[in-house]
PDB file of N, CA and C in Angstrom:
ATOM      1  N   MET A   1      24.672  51.784  28.199  1.00  0.00           N
ATOM      2  CA  MET A   1      25.601  50.769  27.682  1.00  0.00           C
ATOM      3  C   MET A   1      25.636  50.806  26.163  1.00  0.00           C
ATOM      4  N   ASN A   2      26.345  49.984  25.381  1.00  0.00           N
ATOM      5  CA  ASN A   2      26.277  49.864  23.530  1.00  0.00           C
ATOM      6  C   ASN A   2      25.944  48.635  23.849  1.00  0.00           C
ATOM      7  N   THR A   3      26.076  47.865  22.453  1.00  0.00           N
ATOM      8  CA  THR A   3      25.373  46.764  21.994  1.00  0.00           C
ATOM      9  C   THR A   3      26.590  45.913  22.462  1.00  0.00           C
ATOM     10  N   THR A   4      27.723  46.182  22.058  1.00  0.00           N
ATOM     11  CA  THR A   4      28.773  44.792  22.505  1.00  0.00           C
ATOM     12  C   THR A   4      28.523  44.652  23.763  1.00  0.00           C
ATOM     13  N   THR A   5      28.453  45.621  24.248  1.00  0.00           N
ATOM     14  CA  THR A   5      28.969  45.359  26.247  1.00  0.00           C
ATOM     15  C   THR A   5      27.006  44.643  26.430  1.00  0.00           C
ATOM     16  N   THR A   6      26.145  45.142  25.980  1.00  0.00           N
ATOM     17  CA  THR A   6      24.966  44.519  26.216  1.00  0.00           C
ATOM     18  C   THR A   6      25.377  43.193  26.085  1.00  0.00           C
ATOM     19  N   GLU A   7      25.647  42.533  24.755  1.00  0.00           N
ATOM     20  CA  GLU A   7      25.880  41.359  24.138  1.00  0.00           C
ATOM     21  C   GLU A   7      26.541  40.606  24.854  1.00  0.00           C
ATOM     22  N   ASN A   8      27.763  40.860  25.657  1.00  0.00           N
ATOM     23  CA  ASN A   8      28.634  40.429  26.548  1.00  0.00           C
ATOM     24  C   ASN A   8      28.560  39.838  27.621  1.00  0.00           C
ATOM     25  N   LYS A   9      27.385  40.759  27.903  1.00  0.00           N
ATOM     26  CA  LYS A   9      27.098  40.726  29.444  1.00  0.00           C
ATOM     27  C   LYS A   9      25.789  39.940  29.348  1.00  0.00           C
ATOM     28  N   SER A  10      25.468  39.502  28.513  1.00  0.00           N
ATOM     29  CA  SER A  10      24.248  38.155  27.377  1.00  0.00           C
ATOM     30  C   SER A  10      25.054  37.254  27.869  1.00  0.00           C
ATOM     31  N   ARG A  11      25.875  37.323  27.546  1.00  0.00           N
ATOM     32  CA  ARG A  11      26.649  36.121  27.441  1.00  0.00           C
ATOM     33  C   ARG A  11      27.063  35.353  28.235  1.00  0.00           C
ATOM     34  N   ALA A  12      28.139  36.284  29.044  1.00  0.00           N
ATOM     35  CA  ALA A  12      28.301  35.655  30.058  1.00  0.00           C
ATOM     36  C   ALA A  12      27.277  35.692  31.193  1.00  0.00           C
ATOM     37  N   GLU A  13      25.813  36.007  31.178  1.00  0.00           N
ATOM     38  CA  GLU A  13      24.894  35.891  31.958  1.00  0.00           C
ATOM     39  C   GLU A  13      24.500  33.913  32.099  1.00  0.00           C
ATOM     40  N   ARG A  14      24.049  33.673  29.965  1.00  0.00           N
ATOM     41  CA  ARG A  14      24.521  32.798  29.588  1.00  0.00           C
ATOM     42  C   ARG A  14      25.395  31.437  30.500  1.00  0.00           C
ATOM     43  N   LEU A  15      26.366  31.974  30.061  1.00  0.00           N
ATOM     44  CA  LEU A  15      27.638  31.269  30.838  1.00  0.00           C
ATOM     45  C   LEU A  15      27.520  30.795  32.230  1.00  0.00           C
ATOM     46  N   ASP A  16      27.282  31.947  32.903  1.00  0.00           N
ATOM     47  CA  ASP A  16      27.298  31.495  34.409  1.00  0.00           C
ATOM     48  C   ASP A  16      26.082  30.456  34.626  1.00  0.00           C
ATOM     49  N   SER A  17      25.045  30.645  33.946  1.00  0.00           N
ATOM     50  CA  SER A  17      23.718  30.142  34.236  1.00  0.00           C
ATOM     51  C   SER A  17      23.466  27.835  33.655  1.00  0.00           C
ATOM     52  N   GLU A  18      24.934  28.014  32.978  1.00  0.00           N
ATOM     53  CA  GLU A  18      24.853  26.841  32.505  1.00  0.00           C
ATOM     54  C   GLU A  18      26.228  26.787  33.052  1.00  0.00           C
ATOM     55  N   LEU A  19      26.831  26.666  33.583  1.00  0.00           N
ATOM     56  CA  LEU A  19      28.336  26.295  34.569  1.00  0.00           C
ATOM     57  C   LEU A  19      27.327  26.033  36.010  1.00  0.00           C
ATOM     58  N   LYS A  20      26.741  26.473  36.096  1.00  0.00           N
ATOM     59  CA  LYS A  20      25.817  25.836  36.670  1.00  0.00           C
ATOM     60  C   LYS A  20      25.263  25.232  37.478  1.00  0.00           C
ATOM     61  N   ASN A  21      24.646  24.728  35.883  1.00  0.00           N
ATOM     62  CA  ASN A  21      23.409  22.956  36.411  1.00  0.00           C
ATOM     63  C   ASN A  21      24.443  22.536  35.521  1.00  0.00           C
ATOM     64  N   MET A  22      25.458  22.535  35.544  1.00  0.00           N
ATOM     65  CA  MET A  22      26.291  21.376  34.549  1.00  0.00           C
ATOM     66  C   MET A  22      26.758  19.875  35.509  1.00  0.00           C
ATOM     67  N   GLU A  23      26.914  19.084  35.062  1.00  0.00           N
ATOM     68  CA  GLU A  23      27.335  17.917  36.385  1.00  0.00           C
ATOM     69  C   GLU A  23      28.699  18.034  36.813  1.00  0.00           C
ATOM     70  N   ARG A  24      29.684  18.150  37.139  1.00  0.00           N
ATOM     71  CA  ARG A  24      30.982  17.805  37.687  1.00  0.00           C
ATOM     72  C   ARG A  24      31.593  16.732  38.011  1.00  0.00           C
ATOM     73  N   SER A  25      32.228  16.208  37.723  1.00  0.00           N
ATOM     74  CA  SER A  25      33.345  15.100  37.273  1.00  0.00           C
ATOM     75  C   SER A  25      34.639  15.763  37.698  1.00  0.00           C
ATOM     76  N   ILE A  26      35.366  14.522  39.080  1.00  0.00           N
ATOM     77  CA  ILE A  26      36.585  14.869  38.827  1.00  0.00           C
ATOM     78  C   ILE A  26      37.141  13.252  38.591  1.00  0.00           C
ATOM     79  N   VAL A  27      38.193  13.626  37.578  1.00  0.00           N
ATOM     80  CA  VAL A  27      39.217  12.719  37.168  1.00  0.00           C
ATOM     81  C   VAL A  27      40.624  12.589  37.529  1.00  0.00           C
ATOM     82  N   HIS A  28      40.690  11.152  38.107  1.00  0.00           N
ATOM     83  CA  HIS A  28      42.028  11.453  38.747  1.00  0.00           C
ATOM     84  C   HIS A  28      42.618  10.077  37.642  1.00  0.00           C
ATOM     85  N   CYS A  29      43.545  10.931  37.458  1.00  0.00           N
ATOM     86  CA  CYS A  29      45.089   9.838  36.361  1.00  0.00           C
ATOM     87  C   CYS A  29      46.007   9.153  36.778  1.00  0.00           C
ATOM     88  N   ASP A  30      46.032   8.117  36.894  1.00  0.00           N
ATOM     89  CA  ASP A  30      47.593   7.200  37.679  1.00  0.00           C
ATOM     90  C   ASP A  30      48.571   7.398  36.677  1.00  0.00           C
ATOM     91  N   LEU A  31      49.955   8.433  36.696  1.00  0.00           N
ATOM     92  CA  LEU A  31      51.005   8.117  35.792  1.00  0.00           C
ATOM     93  C   LEU A  31      51.931   7.321  36.334  1.00  0.00           C
ATOM     94  N   ASP A  32      51.779   6.586  37.518  1.00  0.00           N
ATOM     95  CA  ASP A  32      53.196   5.824  37.500  1.00  0.00           C
ATOM     96  C   ASP A  32      53.649   5.514  36.315  1.00  0.00           C
ATOM     97  N   THR A  33      52.683   4.192  35.799  1.00  0.00           N
ATOM     98  CA  THR A  33      53.476   3.591  34.590  1.00  0.00           C
ATOM     99  C   THR A  33      54.672   4.615  33.616  1.00  0.00           C
ATOM    100  N   PHE A  34      53.730   5.705  33.726  1.00  0.00           N
ATOM    101  CA  PHE A  34      53.956   7.473  32.274  1.00  0.00           C
ATOM    102  C   PHE A  34      55.896   6.651  33.052  1.00  0.00           C
ATOM    103  N   PHE A  35      55.362   7.367  34.736  1.00  0.00           N
ATOM    104  CA  PHE A  35      57.191   7.629  34.582  1.00  0.00           C
ATOM    105  C   PHE A  35      57.801   6.557  34.773  1.00  0.00           C
ATOM    106  N   VAL A  36      57.816   5.673  35.142  1.00  0.00           N
ATOM    107  CA  VAL A  36      58.241   4.469  35.116  1.00  0.00           C
ATOM    108  C   VAL A  36      58.916   4.424  34.031  1.00  0.00           C
ATOM    109  N   SER A  37      57.972   3.913  32.537  1.00  0.00           N
ATOM    110  CA  SER A  37      58.297   4.240  31.316  1.00  0.00           C
ATOM    111  C   SER A  37      59.695   5.165  30.285  1.00  0.00           C
ATOM    112  N   VAL A  38      59.282   6.473  31.285  1.00  0.00           N
ATOM    113  CA  VAL A  38      59.851   7.271  31.095  1.00  0.00           C
ATOM    114  C   VAL A  38      61.760   6.841  31.576  1.00  0.00           C
ATOM    115  N   GLU A  39      61.687   6.936  32.704  1.00  0.00           N
ATOM    116  CA  GLU A  39      62.806   6.652  33.690  1.00  0.00           C
ATOM    117  C   GLU A  39      63.312   5.530  32.959  1.00  0.00           C
ATOM    118  N   ARG A  40      63.069   4.206  32.349  1.00  0.00           N
ATOM    119  CA  ARG A  40      63.154   2.740  32.045  1.00  0.00           C
ATOM    120  C   ARG A  40      63.591   2.902  30.528  1.00  0.00           C
ATOM    121  N   LEU A  41      63.458   4.086  30.131  1.00  0.00           N
ATOM    122  CA  LEU A  41      64.413   4.201  28.675  1.00  0.00           C
ATOM    123  C   LEU A  41      65.322   5.602  29.329  1.00  0.00           C
ATOM    124  N   GLN A  42      65.571   6.155  29.814  1.00  0.00           N
ATOM    125  CA  GLN A  42      66.827   6.962  30.341  1.00  0.00           C
ATOM    126  C   GLN A  42      67.747   6.000  30.453  1.00  0.00           C
ATOM    127  N   ASN A  43      67.520   4.876  32.068  1.00  0.00           N
ATOM    128  CA  ASN A  43      67.874   3.543  32.347  1.00  0.00           C
ATOM    129  C   ASN A  43      67.915   2.629  31.972  1.00  0.00           C
ATOM    130  N   SER A  44      68.558   1.837  31.049  1.00  0.00           N
ATOM    131  CA  SER A  44      68.089   0.698  30.697  1.00  0.00           C
ATOM    132  C   SER A  44      68.536  -0.337  31.212  1.00  0.00           C
ATOM    133  N   LYS A  45      68.976  -0.303  32.567  1.00  0.00           N
ATOM    134  CA  LYS A  45      69.573  -0.897  33.635  1.00  0.00           C
ATOM    135  C   LYS A  45      68.146  -1.467  34.340  1.00  0.00           C
ATOM    136  N   LEU A  46      67.301  -0.205  34.309  1.00  0.00           N
ATOM    137  CA  LEU A  46      65.703  -0.448  35.116  1.00  0.00           C
ATOM    138  C   LEU A  46      64.783  -1.631  34.305  1.00  0.00           C
ATOM    139  N   ILE A  47      64.984  -2.170  32.958  1.00  0.00           N
ATOM    140  CA  ILE A  47      64.438  -2.858  32.621  1.00  0.00           C
ATOM    141  C   ILE A  47      63.988  -3.935  33.021  1.00  0.00           C
ATOM    142  N   GLY A  48      62.992  -4.673  33.182  1.00  0.00           N
ATOM    143  CA  GLY A  48      62.869  -6.291  33.825  1.00  0.00           C
ATOM    144  C   GLY A  48      63.152  -6.158  35.057  1.00  0.00           C
ATOM    145  N   VAL A  49      63.626  -4.780  35.456  1.00  0.00           N
ATOM    146  CA  VAL A  49      63.572  -5.164  37.327  1.00  0.00           C
ATOM    147  C   VAL A  49      62.251  -4.396  37.711  1.00  0.00           C
ATOM    148  N   PRO A  50      61.428  -4.983  39.317  1.00  0.00           N
ATOM    149  CA  PRO A  50      60.228  -4.402  39.900  1.00  0.00           C
ATOM    150  C   PRO A  50      60.668  -3.209  40.185  1.00  0.00           C
ATOM    151  N   VAL A  51      60.156  -1.914  40.088  1.00  0.00           N
ATOM    152  CA  VAL A  51      60.454  -0.691  40.640  1.00  0.00           C
ATOM    153  C   VAL A  51      59.198  -0.563  41.505  1.00  0.00           C
ATOM    154  N   LEU A  52      59.471   0.497  42.822  1.00  0.00           N
ATOM    155  CA  LEU A  52      58.273   0.763  43.510  1.00  0.00           C
ATOM    156  C   LEU A  52      58.256   2.431  43.815  1.00  0.00           C
ATOM    157  N   ILE A  53      57.186   2.816  43.544  1.00  0.00           N
ATOM    158  CA  ILE A  53      57.105   4.140  43.436  1.00  0.00           C
ATOM    159  C   ILE A  53      56.532   4.685  44.645  1.00  0.00           C
ATOM    160  N   GLY A  54      56.594   5.424  45.351  1.00  0.00           N
ATOM    161  CA  GLY A  54      56.562   6.053  46.430  1.00  0.00           C
ATOM    162  C   GLY A  54      55.645   7.302  46.032  1.00  0.00           C
ATOM    163  N   GLU A  55      54.650   7.709  46.958  1.00  0.00           N
ATOM    164  CA  GLU A  55      53.703   8.766  47.027  1.00  0.00           C
ATOM    165  C   GLU A  55      53.740   9.781  47.861  1.00  0.00           C
TER     166      GLU A  55
END
C-alpha cells in the first residue's frame, strides 16, 4: 500500500470515529411564512388577507 492510500485510510478511520462520537440534532424549519411572502409578492391581492396553509 502506498503512502497516499495509507493516509487516506487513516483519515477515513478518524472521520468515522469522530462521526460516531458526534451529538446529533434535528432541525425543523417552518417555511410557511416565507412561501406566503413569496406568493404575496406574485399576487398583490393577497396582501392584508389572511392566508391558510394546509399540509
